[in-house]
Amino acid sequence: MEIRKLIDLLRATIDPTQRQQAEAQLDQANCDMPVRQAGAIYLKNLIATSWQDREAEAGQPMPFALHEQDRALIRDSIVDAVVHAPRT
């Protein structure tokens, strides 16, 4: 799948009028296993570095942290995602 199309589909998932169609297209997308693994590793690293809220140091911008709603979604979905992941 082209990167531009992927970006457009992900953007459409947050639009209530386009969400179902975009999710259906994403479900049909076929990515090679190395691409899926790279995405999983990126998500794992993002979670590892951004799970907890952190205070900004003086004169520094606020560090990125996952919002509580996003953390709740991850907690609610992670086991299901692992169970349904394709075997290598």
N, C-alpha and C. Protein backbone atom coordinates (compact mmCIF):
# COMPACT_ATOMS: atom_id res chain seq x y z
N MET A 1 0.85 -1.18 0.00
CA MET A 1 0.00 0.00 0.00
C MET A 1 0.89 1.24 0.00
N GLU A 2 0.52 2.20 -0.79
CA GLU A 2 1.27 3.45 -0.86
C GLU A 2 1.14 4.21 0.46
N ILE A 3 2.20 4.91 0.83
CA ILE A 3 2.21 5.66 2.09
C ILE A 3 1.13 6.74 2.10
N ARG A 4 0.92 7.39 0.96
CA ARG A 4 -0.10 8.46 0.88
C ARG A 4 -1.50 7.88 1.12
N LYS A 5 -1.78 6.74 0.53
CA LYS A 5 -3.09 6.09 0.72
C LYS A 5 -3.26 5.67 2.18
N LEU A 6 -2.19 5.15 2.77
CA LEU A 6 -2.25 4.75 4.18
C LEU A 6 -2.54 5.95 5.07
N ILE A 7 -1.89 7.06 4.81
CA ILE A 7 -2.13 8.28 5.58
C ILE A 7 -3.58 8.72 5.44
N ASP A 8 -4.09 8.70 4.21
CA ASP A 8 -5.48 9.11 3.98
C ASP A 8 -6.46 8.18 4.69
N LEU A 9 -6.19 6.87 4.67
CA LEU A 9 -7.08 5.92 5.35
C LEU A 9 -7.04 6.11 6.86
N LEU A 10 -5.86 6.31 7.41
CA LEU A 10 -5.77 6.55 8.86
C LEU A 10 -6.48 7.84 9.24
N ARG A 11 -6.35 8.86 8.42
CA ARG A 11 -7.04 10.12 8.67
C ARG A 11 -8.56 9.91 8.62
N ALA A 12 -9.02 9.09 7.69
CA ALA A 12 -10.45 8.83 7.54
C ALA A 12 -11.03 8.06 8.73
N THR A 13 -10.19 7.33 9.46
CA THR A 13 -10.71 6.56 10.60
C THR A 13 -11.19 7.45 11.73
N ILE A 14 -10.79 8.71 11.74
CA ILE A 14 -11.27 9.61 12.80
C ILE A 14 -12.47 10.44 12.37
N ASP A 15 -12.90 10.26 11.13
CA ASP A 15 -14.10 10.93 10.63
C ASP A 15 -15.27 9.96 10.74
N PRO A 16 -16.27 10.27 11.57
CA PRO A 16 -17.38 9.33 11.78
C PRO A 16 -18.09 8.92 10.49
N THR A 17 -18.10 9.79 9.49
CA THR A 17 -18.80 9.45 8.24
C THR A 17 -17.98 8.52 7.34
N GLN A 18 -16.68 8.44 7.58
CA GLN A 18 -15.80 7.63 6.74
C GLN A 18 -15.17 6.45 7.48
N ARG A 19 -15.35 6.40 8.78
CA ARG A 19 -14.62 5.44 9.61
C ARG A 19 -14.79 3.99 9.18
N GLN A 20 -16.03 3.54 9.03
CA GLN A 20 -16.25 2.12 8.72
C GLN A 20 -15.61 1.72 7.39
N GLN A 21 -15.76 2.55 6.39
CA GLN A 21 -15.17 2.24 5.08
C GLN A 21 -13.64 2.22 5.17
N ALA A 22 -13.07 3.19 5.87
CA ALA A 22 -11.61 3.24 6.00
C ALA A 22 -11.09 2.03 6.77
N GLU A 23 -11.77 1.66 7.85
CA GLU A 23 -11.34 0.50 8.62
C GLU A 23 -11.44 -0.78 7.79
N ALA A 24 -12.48 -0.89 6.97
CA ALA A 24 -12.62 -2.07 6.11
C ALA A 24 -11.46 -2.15 5.12
N GLN A 25 -11.07 -1.01 4.55
CA GLN A 25 -9.95 -1.01 3.61
C GLN A 25 -8.64 -1.34 4.31
N LEU A 26 -8.47 -0.85 5.54
CA LEU A 26 -7.27 -1.17 6.30
C LEU A 26 -7.23 -2.66 6.65
N ASP A 27 -8.39 -3.24 6.94
CA ASP A 27 -8.45 -4.67 7.25
C ASP A 27 -8.05 -5.51 6.05
N GLN A 28 -8.34 -5.02 4.85
CA GLN A 28 -8.02 -5.77 3.64
C GLN A 28 -6.58 -5.56 3.18
N ALA A 29 -5.92 -4.56 3.74
CA ALA A 29 -4.54 -4.28 3.34
C ALA A 29 -3.65 -5.45 3.71
N ASN A 30 -2.77 -5.79 2.82
CA ASN A 30 -1.87 -6.90 3.05
C ASN A 30 -0.46 -6.36 3.10
N CYS A 31 0.16 -6.43 4.26
CA CYS A 31 1.53 -5.96 4.43
C CYS A 31 2.44 -7.16 4.66
N ASP A 32 3.65 -7.05 4.18
CA ASP A 32 4.63 -8.10 4.43
C ASP A 32 4.92 -8.19 5.92
N MET A 33 5.29 -9.38 6.37
CA MET A 33 5.56 -9.59 7.79
C MET A 33 6.63 -8.65 8.33
N PRO A 34 7.74 -8.38 7.61
CA PRO A 34 8.73 -7.44 8.16
C PRO A 34 8.14 -6.04 8.40
N VAL A 35 7.22 -5.60 7.55
CA VAL A 35 6.59 -4.29 7.74
C VAL A 35 5.71 -4.32 8.99
N ARG A 36 4.95 -5.39 9.17
CA ARG A 36 4.12 -5.52 10.37
C ARG A 36 4.99 -5.54 11.63
N GLN A 37 6.10 -6.28 11.56
CA GLN A 37 6.99 -6.37 12.71
C GLN A 37 7.61 -5.01 13.03
N ALA A 38 7.98 -4.26 12.00
CA ALA A 38 8.55 -2.93 12.21
C ALA A 38 7.52 -2.02 12.88
N GLY A 39 6.26 -2.11 12.45
CA GLY A 39 5.20 -1.32 13.08
C GLY A 39 5.00 -1.71 14.53
N ALA A 40 5.04 -3.00 14.82
CA ALA A 40 4.88 -3.47 16.20
C ALA A 40 6.03 -3.00 17.09
N ILE A 41 7.24 -3.04 16.55
CA ILE A 41 8.41 -2.58 17.31
C ILE A 41 8.32 -1.08 17.56
N TYR A 42 7.89 -0.32 16.55
CA TYR A 42 7.73 1.12 16.73
C TYR A 42 6.70 1.42 17.82
N LEU A 43 5.57 0.71 17.79
CA LEU A 43 4.54 0.92 18.81
C LEU A 43 5.07 0.57 20.19
N LYS A 44 5.79 -0.56 20.31
CA LYS A 44 6.36 -0.96 21.59
C LYS A 44 7.30 0.11 22.13
N ASN A 45 8.17 0.64 21.27
CA ASN A 45 9.11 1.67 21.70
C ASN A 45 8.40 2.96 22.08
N LEU A 46 7.37 3.33 21.34
CA LEU A 46 6.59 4.52 21.67
C LEU A 46 5.94 4.36 23.04
N ILE A 47 5.37 3.20 23.28
CA ILE A 47 4.73 2.93 24.57
C ILE A 47 5.76 2.98 25.69
N ALA A 48 6.92 2.36 25.46
CA ALA A 48 7.96 2.30 26.49
C ALA A 48 8.46 3.69 26.87
N THR A 49 8.56 4.59 25.91
CA THR A 49 9.11 5.91 26.20
C THR A 49 8.05 6.96 26.55
N SER A 50 6.79 6.69 26.24
CA SER A 50 5.77 7.74 26.37
C SER A 50 4.58 7.35 27.23
N TRP A 51 4.66 6.24 27.95
CA TRP A 51 3.51 5.76 28.72
C TRP A 51 3.20 6.68 29.89
N GLN A 52 4.21 7.08 30.64
CA GLN A 52 3.99 7.88 31.84
C GLN A 52 4.10 9.37 31.53
N ASP A 53 3.26 10.15 32.23
CA ASP A 53 3.36 11.60 32.13
C ASP A 53 4.67 12.04 32.78
N ARG A 54 5.33 13.01 32.16
CA ARG A 54 6.57 13.53 32.71
C ARG A 54 6.49 15.04 32.78
N GLU A 55 7.19 15.58 33.73
CA GLU A 55 7.25 17.03 33.89
C GLU A 55 8.30 17.60 32.93
N ALA A 56 8.02 18.78 32.42
CA ALA A 56 8.98 19.45 31.55
C ALA A 56 10.08 20.06 32.41
N GLU A 57 11.30 19.95 31.92
CA GLU A 57 12.41 20.60 32.61
C GLU A 57 12.37 22.09 32.28
N ALA A 58 12.94 22.89 33.15
CA ALA A 58 12.92 24.34 32.98
C ALA A 58 13.48 24.73 31.62
N GLY A 59 12.73 25.52 30.88
CA GLY A 59 13.16 26.00 29.58
C GLY A 59 13.02 24.98 28.45
N GLN A 60 12.48 23.82 28.74
CA GLN A 60 12.32 22.77 27.73
C GLN A 60 10.84 22.60 27.38
N PRO A 61 10.55 22.17 26.17
CA PRO A 61 9.15 21.91 25.82
C PRO A 61 8.61 20.71 26.59
N MET A 62 7.31 20.65 26.71
CA MET A 62 6.66 19.55 27.41
C MET A 62 6.96 18.24 26.66
N PRO A 63 7.48 17.23 27.34
CA PRO A 63 7.76 15.96 26.65
C PRO A 63 6.47 15.25 26.26
N PHE A 64 6.53 14.53 25.16
CA PHE A 64 5.36 13.81 24.67
C PHE A 64 5.01 12.68 25.62
N ALA A 65 3.72 12.52 25.88
CA ALA A 65 3.22 11.39 26.66
C ALA A 65 1.89 10.96 26.07
N LEU A 66 1.64 9.67 26.07
CA LEU A 66 0.36 9.16 25.58
C LEU A 66 -0.76 9.63 26.49
N HIS A 67 -1.83 10.08 25.91
CA HIS A 67 -3.00 10.53 26.67
C HIS A 67 -3.64 9.34 27.37
N GLU A 68 -4.27 9.58 28.50
CA GLU A 68 -4.90 8.51 29.27
C GLU A 68 -5.92 7.73 28.44
N GLN A 69 -6.66 8.40 27.57
CA GLN A 69 -7.62 7.68 26.72
C GLN A 69 -6.90 6.72 25.77
N ASP A 70 -5.75 7.14 25.26
CA ASP A 70 -4.96 6.27 24.39
C ASP A 70 -4.40 5.09 25.18
N ARG A 71 -3.94 5.35 26.40
CA ARG A 71 -3.43 4.26 27.23
C ARG A 71 -4.53 3.26 27.54
N ALA A 72 -5.74 3.76 27.81
CA ALA A 72 -6.87 2.86 28.08
C ALA A 72 -7.20 2.02 26.85
N LEU A 73 -7.17 2.64 25.67
CA LEU A 73 -7.44 1.90 24.44
C LEU A 73 -6.39 0.80 24.23
N ILE A 74 -5.14 1.13 24.48
CA ILE A 74 -4.07 0.14 24.34
C ILE A 74 -4.27 -1.01 25.33
N ARG A 75 -4.56 -0.67 26.58
CA ARG A 75 -4.80 -1.71 27.59
C ARG A 75 -5.95 -2.61 27.19
N ASP A 76 -7.01 -2.02 26.65
CA ASP A 76 -8.20 -2.79 26.27
C ASP A 76 -7.98 -3.64 25.01
N SER A 77 -7.03 -3.26 24.17
CA SER A 77 -6.88 -3.91 22.87
C SER A 77 -5.66 -4.81 22.74
N ILE A 78 -4.68 -4.67 23.61
CA ILE A 78 -3.40 -5.32 23.39
C ILE A 78 -3.49 -6.85 23.39
N VAL A 79 -4.24 -7.42 24.31
CA VAL A 79 -4.34 -8.88 24.38
C VAL A 79 -5.03 -9.42 23.13
N ASP A 80 -6.11 -8.78 22.73
CA ASP A 80 -6.83 -9.19 21.52
C ASP A 80 -5.92 -9.12 20.30
N ALA A 81 -5.13 -8.06 20.21
CA ALA A 81 -4.23 -7.90 19.07
C ALA A 81 -3.19 -9.01 19.03
N VAL A 82 -2.65 -9.37 20.18
CA VAL A 82 -1.65 -10.43 20.23
C VAL A 82 -2.27 -11.78 19.88
N VAL A 83 -3.46 -12.04 20.40
CA VAL A 83 -4.13 -13.31 20.13
C VAL A 83 -4.43 -13.47 18.64
N HIS A 84 -4.81 -12.39 17.98
CA HIS A 84 -5.20 -12.48 16.58
C HIS A 84 -4.06 -12.19 15.60
N ALA A 85 -2.86 -11.97 16.11
CA ALA A 85 -1.72 -11.70 15.24
C ALA A 85 -1.37 -12.95 14.44
N PRO A 86 -1.02 -12.77 13.17
CA PRO A 86 -0.66 -13.94 12.36
C PRO A 86 0.64 -14.56 12.87
N ARG A 87 0.72 -15.85 12.76
CA ARG A 87 1.94 -16.56 13.16
C ARG A 87 2.98 -16.43 12.06
N THR A 88 4.24 -16.41 12.47
CA THR A 88 5.31 -16.30 11.47
C THR A 88 5.81 -17.65 11.05
